[in-house]
Amino acid sequence: MGWTVWWTWMAAGLIIAIIELLVPAFIFLGIALGCFGVALGLAVGVLGGLSAPWLLVCFASLACAGYIVLRMAFGAPKGSVKIWDTDINDN
């Protein structure tokens, strides 16, 4: 019953976003975006007729897409790998 209510997904997204602030692991933000996407879809009525398993599929797809977009936008810059020429044990 709670799976098809938009505010349930919004509350879950807020909780997961707070977890991202407390434990900066960068993966929780993509999951929170998936929750927010499903909440928006349910609030607008686009996902209103779907059952709980299909909402979970939509959530997983949106979370994966959100993580990929965030990784492309805020990932490590190219060429930031440090290459060491000497070893600290070579004296």
PDB file of N, CA and C in Angstrom:
ATOM      1  N   MET A   1       0.811  -1.183   0.000  1.00  0.00           N
ATOM      2  CA  MET A   1       0.000   0.000   0.000  1.00  0.00           C
ATOM      3  C   MET A   1       0.863   1.259   0.000  1.00  0.00           C
ATOM      4  N   GLY A   2       1.925   1.277   0.786  1.00  0.00           N
ATOM      5  CA  GLY A   2       2.769   2.451   0.857  1.00  0.00           C
ATOM      6  C   GLY A   2       3.666   2.634  -0.356  1.00  0.00           C
ATOM      7  N   TRP A   3       3.818   1.606  -1.164  1.00  0.00           N
ATOM      8  CA  TRP A   3       4.696   1.694  -2.334  1.00  0.00           C
ATOM      9  C   TRP A   3       4.153   2.623  -3.402  1.00  0.00           C
ATOM     10  N   THR A   4       2.841   2.788  -3.445  1.00  0.00           N
ATOM     11  CA  THR A   4       2.238   3.577  -4.506  1.00  0.00           C
ATOM     12  C   THR A   4       1.888   4.996  -4.070  1.00  0.00           C
ATOM     13  N   VAL A   5       2.373   5.424  -2.918  1.00  0.00           N
ATOM     14  CA  VAL A   5       2.123   6.770  -2.416  1.00  0.00           C
ATOM     15  C   VAL A   5       3.371   7.605  -2.661  1.00  0.00           C
ATOM     16  N   TRP A   6       3.189   8.794  -3.253  1.00  0.00           N
ATOM     17  CA  TRP A   6       4.334   9.600  -3.661  1.00  0.00           C
ATOM     18  C   TRP A   6       5.156  10.084  -2.479  1.00  0.00           C
ATOM     19  N   TRP A   7       4.513  10.409  -1.362  1.00  0.00           N
ATOM     20  CA  TRP A   7       5.263  10.960  -0.242  1.00  0.00           C
ATOM     21  C   TRP A   7       6.122   9.899   0.446  1.00  0.00           C
ATOM     22  N   THR A   8       5.784   8.634   0.278  1.00  0.00           N
ATOM     23  CA  THR A   8       6.637   7.571   0.814  1.00  0.00           C
ATOM     24  C   THR A   8       7.980   7.575   0.095  1.00  0.00           C
ATOM     25  N   TRP A   9       7.938   7.710  -1.218  1.00  0.00           N
ATOM     26  CA  TRP A   9       9.175   7.752  -1.998  1.00  0.00           C
ATOM     27  C   TRP A   9       9.947   9.038  -1.716  1.00  0.00           C
ATOM     28  N   MET A  10       9.230  10.145  -1.505  1.00  0.00           N
ATOM     29  CA  MET A  10       9.893  11.413  -1.191  1.00  0.00           C
ATOM     30  C   MET A  10      10.591  11.328   0.167  1.00  0.00           C
ATOM     31  N   ALA A  11       9.933  10.741   1.153  1.00  0.00           N
ATOM     32  CA  ALA A  11      10.536  10.583   2.476  1.00  0.00           C
ATOM     33  C   ALA A  11      11.759   9.671   2.406  1.00  0.00           C
ATOM     34  N   ALA A  12      11.656   8.601   1.636  1.00  0.00           N
ATOM     35  CA  ALA A  12      12.811   7.705   1.474  1.00  0.00           C
ATOM     36  C   ALA A  12      13.961   8.431   0.791  1.00  0.00           C
ATOM     37  N   GLY A  13      13.653   9.256  -0.215  1.00  0.00           N
ATOM     38  CA  GLY A  13      14.689  10.027  -0.888  1.00  0.00           C
ATOM     39  C   GLY A  13      15.367  11.013   0.041  1.00  0.00           C
ATOM     40  N   LEU A  14      14.596  11.671   0.896  1.00  0.00           N
ATOM     41  CA  LEU A  14      15.178  12.605   1.854  1.00  0.00           C
ATOM     42  C   LEU A  14      16.063  11.901   2.868  1.00  0.00           C
ATOM     43  N   ILE A  15      15.622  10.753   3.347  1.00  0.00           N
ATOM     44  CA  ILE A  15      16.430   9.982   4.304  1.00  0.00           C
ATOM     45  C   ILE A  15      17.741   9.543   3.656  1.00  0.00           C
ATOM     46  N   ILE A  16      17.679   9.075   2.434  1.00  0.00           N
ATOM     47  CA  ILE A  16      18.888   8.619   1.749  1.00  0.00           C
ATOM     48  C   ILE A  16      19.797   9.800   1.417  1.00  0.00           C
ATOM     49  N   ALA A  17      19.229  10.966   1.099  1.00  0.00           N
ATOM     50  CA  ALA A  17      20.047  12.157   0.856  1.00  0.00           C
ATOM     51  C   ALA A  17      20.745  12.601   2.138  1.00  0.00           C
ATOM     52  N   ILE A  18      20.080  12.481   3.273  1.00  0.00           N
ATOM     53  CA  ILE A  18      20.716  12.805   4.553  1.00  0.00           C
ATOM     54  C   ILE A  18      21.829  11.811   4.851  1.00  0.00           C
ATOM     55  N   ILE A  19      21.603  10.554   4.523  1.00  0.00           N
ATOM     56  CA  ILE A  19      22.672   9.553   4.693  1.00  0.00           C
ATOM     57  C   ILE A  19      23.872   9.921   3.833  1.00  0.00           C
ATOM     58  N   GLU A  20      23.630  10.438   2.631  1.00  0.00           N
ATOM     59  CA  GLU A  20      24.732  10.868   1.758  1.00  0.00           C
ATOM     60  C   GLU A  20      25.516  12.009   2.405  1.00  0.00           C
ATOM     61  N   LEU A  21      24.831  12.908   3.095  1.00  0.00           N
ATOM     62  CA  LEU A  21      25.534  13.992   3.776  1.00  0.00           C
ATOM     63  C   LEU A  21      26.373  13.492   4.940  1.00  0.00           C
ATOM     64  N   LEU A  22      25.872  12.491   5.659  1.00  0.00           N
ATOM     65  CA  LEU A  22      26.594  11.970   6.814  1.00  0.00           C
ATOM     66  C   LEU A  22      27.719  11.014   6.428  1.00  0.00           C
ATOM     67  N   VAL A  23      27.488  10.217   5.404  1.00  0.00           N
ATOM     68  CA  VAL A  23      28.462   9.241   4.940  1.00  0.00           C
ATOM     69  C   VAL A  23      28.717   9.516   3.462  1.00  0.00           C
ATOM     70  N   PRO A  24      29.665  10.378   3.139  1.00  0.00           N
ATOM     71  CA  PRO A  24      29.855  10.749   1.732  1.00  0.00           C
ATOM     72  C   PRO A  24      30.416   9.594   0.902  1.00  0.00           C
ATOM     73  N   ALA A  25      29.532   8.798   0.370  1.00  0.00           N
ATOM     74  CA  ALA A  25      29.939   7.644  -0.420  1.00  0.00           C
ATOM     75  C   ALA A  25      29.610   7.814  -1.891  1.00  0.00           C
ATOM     76  N   PHE A  26      28.933   8.903  -2.263  1.00  0.00           N
ATOM     77  CA  PHE A  26      28.591   9.289  -3.625  1.00  0.00           C
ATOM     78  C   PHE A  26      27.577   8.367  -4.287  1.00  0.00           C
ATOM     79  N   ILE A  27      27.321   7.197  -3.749  1.00  0.00           N
ATOM     80  CA  ILE A  27      26.334   6.316  -4.368  1.00  0.00           C
ATOM     81  C   ILE A  27      24.929   6.612  -3.863  1.00  0.00           C
ATOM     82  N   PHE A  28      24.834   7.108  -2.626  1.00  0.00           N
ATOM     83  CA  PHE A  28      23.523   7.363  -2.053  1.00  0.00           C
ATOM     84  C   PHE A  28      22.789   8.486  -2.771  1.00  0.00           C
ATOM     85  N   LEU A  29      23.510   9.420  -3.362  1.00  0.00           N
ATOM     86  CA  LEU A  29      22.861  10.524  -4.059  1.00  0.00           C
ATOM     87  C   LEU A  29      22.136  10.031  -5.311  1.00  0.00           C
ATOM     88  N   GLY A  30      22.709   9.072  -6.018  1.00  0.00           N
ATOM     89  CA  GLY A  30      22.021   8.482  -7.165  1.00  0.00           C
ATOM     90  C   GLY A  30      20.770   7.730  -6.749  1.00  0.00           C
ATOM     91  N   ILE A  31      20.846   7.037  -5.620  1.00  0.00           N
ATOM     92  CA  ILE A  31      19.681   6.319  -5.107  1.00  0.00           C
ATOM     93  C   ILE A  31      18.598   7.307  -4.691  1.00  0.00           C
ATOM     94  N   ALA A  32      19.000   8.420  -4.062  1.00  0.00           N
ATOM     95  CA  ALA A  32      18.033   9.443  -3.669  1.00  0.00           C
ATOM     96  C   ALA A  32      17.370  10.055  -4.901  1.00  0.00           C
ATOM     97  N   LEU A  33      18.132  10.265  -5.962  1.00  0.00           N
ATOM     98  CA  LEU A  33      17.538  10.785  -7.192  1.00  0.00           C
ATOM     99  C   LEU A  33      16.525   9.815  -7.779  1.00  0.00           C
ATOM    100  N   GLY A  34      16.791   8.524  -7.669  1.00  0.00           N
ATOM    101  CA  GLY A  34      15.815   7.528  -8.114  1.00  0.00           C
ATOM    102  C   GLY A  34      14.524   7.602  -7.316  1.00  0.00           C
ATOM    103  N   CYS A  35      14.645   7.782  -6.001  1.00  0.00           N
ATOM    104  CA  CYS A  35      13.446   7.937  -5.154  1.00  0.00           C
ATOM    105  C   CYS A  35      12.685   9.198  -5.523  1.00  0.00           C
ATOM    106  N   PHE A  36      13.408  10.297  -5.738  1.00  0.00           N
ATOM    107  CA  PHE A  36      12.744  11.549  -6.100  1.00  0.00           C
ATOM    108  C   PHE A  36      12.063  11.439  -7.465  1.00  0.00           C
ATOM    109  N   GLY A  37      12.674  10.715  -8.385  1.00  0.00           N
ATOM    110  CA  GLY A  37      12.065  10.525  -9.701  1.00  0.00           C
ATOM    111  C   GLY A  37      10.770   9.737  -9.638  1.00  0.00           C
ATOM    112  N   VAL A  38      10.761   8.685  -8.836  1.00  0.00           N
ATOM    113  CA  VAL A  38       9.535   7.896  -8.682  1.00  0.00           C
ATOM    114  C   VAL A  38       8.472   8.721  -7.956  1.00  0.00           C
ATOM    115  N   ALA A  39       8.880   9.507  -6.947  1.00  0.00           N
ATOM    116  CA  ALA A  39       7.924  10.361  -6.235  1.00  0.00           C
ATOM    117  C   ALA A  39       7.315  11.388  -7.181  1.00  0.00           C
ATOM    118  N   LEU A  40       8.130  11.974  -8.036  1.00  0.00           N
ATOM    119  CA  LEU A  40       7.614  12.941  -9.005  1.00  0.00           C
ATOM    120  C   LEU A  40       6.672  12.271 -10.003  1.00  0.00           C
ATOM    121  N   GLY A  41       7.047  11.078 -10.466  1.00  0.00           N
ATOM    122  CA  GLY A  41       6.187  10.356 -11.394  1.00  0.00           C
ATOM    123  C   GLY A  41       4.851   9.976 -10.783  1.00  0.00           C
ATOM    124  N   LEU A  42       4.862   9.606  -9.510  1.00  0.00           N
ATOM    125  CA  LEU A  42       3.606   9.272  -8.833  1.00  0.00           C
ATOM    126  C   LEU A  42       2.777  10.525  -8.555  1.00  0.00           C
ATOM    127  N   ALA A  43       3.431  11.625  -8.198  1.00  0.00           N
ATOM    128  CA  ALA A  43       2.700  12.855  -7.889  1.00  0.00           C
ATOM    129  C   ALA A  43       2.041  13.444  -9.130  1.00  0.00           C
ATOM    130  N   VAL A  44       2.725  13.361 -10.268  1.00  0.00           N
ATOM    131  CA  VAL A  44       2.179  13.893 -11.512  1.00  0.00           C
ATOM    132  C   VAL A  44       1.123  12.955 -12.080  1.00  0.00           C
ATOM    133  N   GLY A  45       1.262  11.665 -11.834  1.00  0.00           N
ATOM    134  CA  GLY A  45       0.306  10.696 -12.331  1.00  0.00           C
ATOM    135  C   GLY A  45       0.827   9.824 -13.448  1.00  0.00           C
ATOM    136  N   VAL A  46       2.088  10.004 -13.814  1.00  0.00           N
ATOM    137  CA  VAL A  46       2.669   9.206 -14.896  1.00  0.00           C
ATOM    138  C   VAL A  46       2.821   7.748 -14.474  1.00  0.00           C
ATOM    139  N   LEU A  47       3.222   7.513 -13.234  1.00  0.00           N
ATOM    140  CA  LEU A  47       3.445   6.150 -12.745  1.00  0.00           C
ATOM    141  C   LEU A  47       2.298   5.668 -11.852  1.00  0.00           C
ATOM    142  N   GLY A  48       1.184   6.339 -11.879  1.00  0.00           N
ATOM    143  CA  GLY A  48       0.089   6.047 -10.964  1.00  0.00           C
ATOM    144  C   GLY A  48      -0.513   4.664 -11.091  1.00  0.00           C
ATOM    145  N   GLY A  49      -0.550   4.095 -12.252  1.00  0.00           N
ATOM    146  CA  GLY A  49      -1.198   2.808 -12.436  1.00  0.00           C
ATOM    147  C   GLY A  49      -0.285   1.603 -12.286  1.00  0.00           C
ATOM    148  N   LEU A  50       0.961   1.821 -11.898  1.00  0.00           N
ATOM    149  CA  LEU A  50       1.912   0.714 -11.802  1.00  0.00           C
ATOM    150  C   LEU A  50       1.837   0.035 -10.444  1.00  0.00           C
ATOM    151  N   SER A  51       2.140  -1.265 -10.451  1.00  0.00           N
ATOM    152  CA  SER A  51       2.187  -2.015  -9.200  1.00  0.00           C
ATOM    153  C   SER A  51       3.556  -1.841  -8.551  1.00  0.00           C
ATOM    154  N   ALA A  52       3.700  -2.368  -7.344  1.00  0.00           N
ATOM    155  CA  ALA A  52       4.936  -2.208  -6.582  1.00  0.00           C
ATOM    156  C   ALA A  52       6.161  -2.778  -7.307  1.00  0.00           C
ATOM    157  N   PRO A  53       6.104  -3.972  -7.916  1.00  0.00           N
ATOM    158  CA  PRO A  53       7.294  -4.455  -8.615  1.00  0.00           C
ATOM    159  C   PRO A  53       7.724  -3.548  -9.767  1.00  0.00           C
ATOM    160  N   TRP A  54       6.764  -2.994 -10.498  1.00  0.00           N
ATOM    161  CA  TRP A  54       7.127  -2.099 -11.605  1.00  0.00           C
ATOM    162  C   TRP A  54       7.657  -0.774 -11.097  1.00  0.00           C
ATOM    163  N   LEU A  55       7.155  -0.325  -9.951  1.00  0.00           N
ATOM    164  CA  LEU A  55       7.721   0.884  -9.351  1.00  0.00           C
ATOM    165  C   LEU A  55       9.163   0.653  -8.917  1.00  0.00           C
ATOM    166  N   LEU A  56       9.462  -0.542  -8.439  1.00  0.00           N
ATOM    167  CA  LEU A  56      10.842  -0.863  -8.071  1.00  0.00           C
ATOM    168  C   LEU A  56      11.742  -0.926  -9.299  1.00  0.00           C
ATOM    169  N   VAL A  57      11.216  -1.403 -10.409  1.00  0.00           N
ATOM    170  CA  VAL A  57      11.990  -1.419 -11.657  1.00  0.00           C
ATOM    171  C   VAL A  57      12.253   0.011 -12.116  1.00  0.00           C
ATOM    172  N   CYS A  58      11.237   0.875 -12.035  1.00  0.00           N
ATOM    173  CA  CYS A  58      11.419   2.285 -12.394  1.00  0.00           C
ATOM    174  C   CYS A  58      12.421   2.944 -11.462  1.00  0.00           C
ATOM    175  N   PHE A  59      12.334   2.644 -10.175  1.00  0.00           N
ATOM    176  CA  PHE A  59      13.284   3.196  -9.205  1.00  0.00           C
ATOM    177  C   PHE A  59      14.703   2.759  -9.513  1.00  0.00           C
ATOM    178  N   ALA A  60      14.900   1.475  -9.792  1.00  0.00           N
ATOM    179  CA  ALA A  60      16.238   0.972 -10.085  1.00  0.00           C
ATOM    180  C   ALA A  60      16.795   1.613 -11.354  1.00  0.00           C
ATOM    181  N   SER A  61      15.956   1.774 -12.356  1.00  0.00           N
ATOM    182  CA  SER A  61      16.403   2.403 -13.596  1.00  0.00           C
ATOM    183  C   SER A  61      16.772   3.862 -13.382  1.00  0.00           C
ATOM    184  N   LEU A  62      15.936   4.592 -12.648  1.00  0.00           N
ATOM    185  CA  LEU A  62      16.219   6.004 -12.387  1.00  0.00           C
ATOM    186  C   LEU A  62      17.434   6.178 -11.487  1.00  0.00           C
ATOM    187  N   ALA A  63      17.612   5.295 -10.511  1.00  0.00           N
ATOM    188  CA  ALA A  63      18.775   5.384  -9.629  1.00  0.00           C
ATOM    189  C   ALA A  63      20.061   5.114 -10.403  1.00  0.00           C
ATOM    190  N   CYS A  64      20.035   4.133 -11.273  1.00  0.00           N
ATOM    191  CA  CYS A  64      21.216   3.822 -12.091  1.00  0.00           C
ATOM    192  C   CYS A  64      21.520   4.975 -13.041  1.00  0.00           C
ATOM    193  N   ALA A  65      20.503   5.514 -13.671  1.00  0.00           N
ATOM    194  CA  ALA A  65      20.715   6.646 -14.581  1.00  0.00           C
ATOM    195  C   ALA A  65      21.203   7.870 -13.819  1.00  0.00           C
ATOM    196  N   GLY A  66      20.655   8.111 -12.642  1.00  0.00           N
ATOM    197  CA  GLY A  66      21.104   9.240 -11.829  1.00  0.00           C
ATOM    198  C   GLY A  66      22.547   9.097 -11.410  1.00  0.00           C
ATOM    199  N   TYR A  67      22.948   7.892 -11.017  1.00  0.00           N
ATOM    200  CA  TYR A  67      24.339   7.667 -10.632  1.00  0.00           C
ATOM    201  C   TYR A  67      25.274   7.882 -11.822  1.00  0.00           C
ATOM    202  N   ILE A  68      24.890   7.390 -12.981  1.00  0.00           N
ATOM    203  CA  ILE A  68      25.747   7.544 -14.165  1.00  0.00           C
ATOM    204  C   ILE A  68      25.881   9.014 -14.554  1.00  0.00           C
ATOM    205  N   VAL A  69      24.782   9.755 -14.508  1.00  0.00           N
ATOM    206  CA  VAL A  69      24.835  11.181 -14.845  1.00  0.00           C
ATOM    207  C   VAL A  69      25.686  11.941 -13.836  1.00  0.00           C
ATOM    208  N   LEU A  70      25.519  11.647 -12.547  1.00  0.00           N
ATOM    209  CA  LEU A  70      26.332  12.319 -11.535  1.00  0.00           C
ATOM    210  C   LEU A  70      27.802  11.951 -11.675  1.00  0.00           C
ATOM    211  N   ARG A  71      28.072  10.712 -12.012  1.00  0.00           N
ATOM    212  CA  ARG A  71      29.464  10.274 -12.178  1.00  0.00           C
ATOM    213  C   ARG A  71      30.110  10.966 -13.369  1.00  0.00           C
ATOM    214  N   MET A  72      29.337  11.134 -14.443  1.00  0.00           N
ATOM    215  CA  MET A  72      29.875  11.829 -15.614  1.00  0.00           C
ATOM    216  C   MET A  72      30.065  13.317 -15.328  1.00  0.00           C
ATOM    217  N   ALA A  73      29.180  13.908 -14.550  1.00  0.00           N
ATOM    218  CA  ALA A  73      29.261  15.341 -14.279  1.00  0.00           C
ATOM    219  C   ALA A  73      30.294  15.683 -13.212  1.00  0.00           C
ATOM    220  N   PHE A  74      30.368  14.893 -12.142  1.00  0.00           N
ATOM    221  CA  PHE A  74      31.220  15.231 -11.014  1.00  0.00           C
ATOM    222  C   PHE A  74      32.297  14.203 -10.728  1.00  0.00           C
ATOM    223  N   GLY A  75      32.586  13.319 -11.662  1.00  0.00           N
ATOM    224  CA  GLY A  75      33.591  12.287 -11.451  1.00  0.00           C
ATOM    225  C   GLY A  75      34.992  12.859 -11.415  1.00  0.00           C
ATOM    226  N   ALA A  76      35.956  12.006 -11.267  1.00  0.00           N
ATOM    227  CA  ALA A  76      37.350  12.434 -11.227  1.00  0.00           C
ATOM    228  C   ALA A  76      37.743  13.017 -12.580  1.00  0.00           C
ATOM    229  N   PRO A  77      38.433  14.147 -12.575  1.00  0.00           N
ATOM    230  CA  PRO A  77      38.855  14.728 -13.844  1.00  0.00           C
ATOM    231  C   PRO A  77      39.879  13.842 -14.549  1.00  0.00           C
ATOM    232  N   LYS A  78      39.877  13.923 -15.847  1.00  0.00           N
ATOM    233  CA  LYS A  78      40.804  13.120 -16.636  1.00  0.00           C
ATOM    234  C   LYS A  78      42.234  13.601 -16.400  1.00  0.00           C
ATOM    235  N   GLY A  79      43.152  12.687 -16.329  1.00  0.00           N
ATOM    236  CA  GLY A  79      44.551  13.032 -16.149  1.00  0.00           C
ATOM    237  C   GLY A  79      44.926  13.358 -14.717  1.00  0.00           C
ATOM    238  N   SER A  80      44.106  12.970 -13.755  1.00  0.00           N
ATOM    239  CA  SER A  80      44.415  13.287 -12.368  1.00  0.00           C
ATOM    240  C   SER A  80      45.139  12.145 -11.665  1.00  0.00           C
ATOM    241  N   VAL A  81      45.630  11.193 -12.415  1.00  0.00           N
ATOM    242  CA  VAL A  81      46.331  10.064 -11.835  1.00  0.00           C
ATOM    243  C   VAL A  81      47.784  10.456 -11.600  1.00  0.00           C
ATOM    244  N   LYS A  82      48.266  10.232 -10.392  1.00  0.00           N
ATOM    245  CA  LYS A  82      49.644  10.553 -10.043  1.00  0.00           C
ATOM    246  C   LYS A  82      50.528   9.362 -10.410  1.00  0.00           C
ATOM    247  N   ILE A  83      51.538   9.614 -11.220  1.00  0.00           N
ATOM    248  CA  ILE A  83      52.490   8.573 -11.619  1.00  0.00           C
ATOM    249  C   ILE A  83      53.795   8.829 -10.877  1.00  0.00           C
ATOM    250  N   TRP A  84      54.228   7.836 -10.123  1.00  0.00           N
ATOM    251  CA  TRP A  84      55.448   7.954  -9.344  1.00  0.00           C
ATOM    252  C   TRP A  84      56.620   7.395 -10.152  1.00  0.00           C
ATOM    253  N   ASP A  85      57.702   8.174 -10.236  1.00  0.00           N
ATOM    254  CA  ASP A  85      58.901   7.738 -10.949  1.00  0.00           C
ATOM    255  C   ASP A  85      59.914   7.103 -10.009  1.00  0.00           C
ATOM    256  N   THR A  86      59.850   7.436  -8.743  1.00  0.00           N
ATOM    257  CA  THR A  86      60.824   6.905  -7.783  1.00  0.00           C
ATOM    258  C   THR A  86      60.089   6.217  -6.652  1.00  0.00           C
ATOM    259  N   ASP A  87      60.815   5.340  -6.007  1.00  0.00           N
ATOM    260  CA  ASP A  87      60.280   4.621  -4.868  1.00  0.00           C
ATOM    261  C   ASP A  87      60.858   5.245  -3.602  1.00  0.00           C
ATOM    262  N   ILE A  88      60.061   5.268  -2.534  1.00  0.00           N
ATOM    263  CA  ILE A  88      60.558   5.871  -1.293  1.00  0.00           C
ATOM    264  C   ILE A  88      61.661   5.018  -0.655  1.00  0.00           C
ATOM    265  N   ASN A  89      61.777   3.780  -1.056  1.00  0.00           N
ATOM    266  CA  ASN A  89      62.806   2.914  -0.516  1.00  0.00           C
ATOM    267  C   ASN A  89      64.116   2.991  -1.283  1.00  0.00           C
ATOM    268  N   ASP A  90      64.142   3.712  -2.396  1.00  0.00           N
ATOM    269  CA  ASP A  90      65.381   3.867  -3.165  1.00  0.00           C
ATOM    270  C   ASP A  90      66.160   5.048  -2.587  1.00  0.00           C
ATOM    271  N   ASN A  91      67.269   4.735  -1.901  1.00  0.00           N
ATOM    272  CA  ASN A  91      68.104   5.799  -1.295  1.00  0.00           C
ATOM    273  C   ASN A  91      69.472   5.753  -1.875  1.00  0.00           C
TER     274      ASN A  91
END
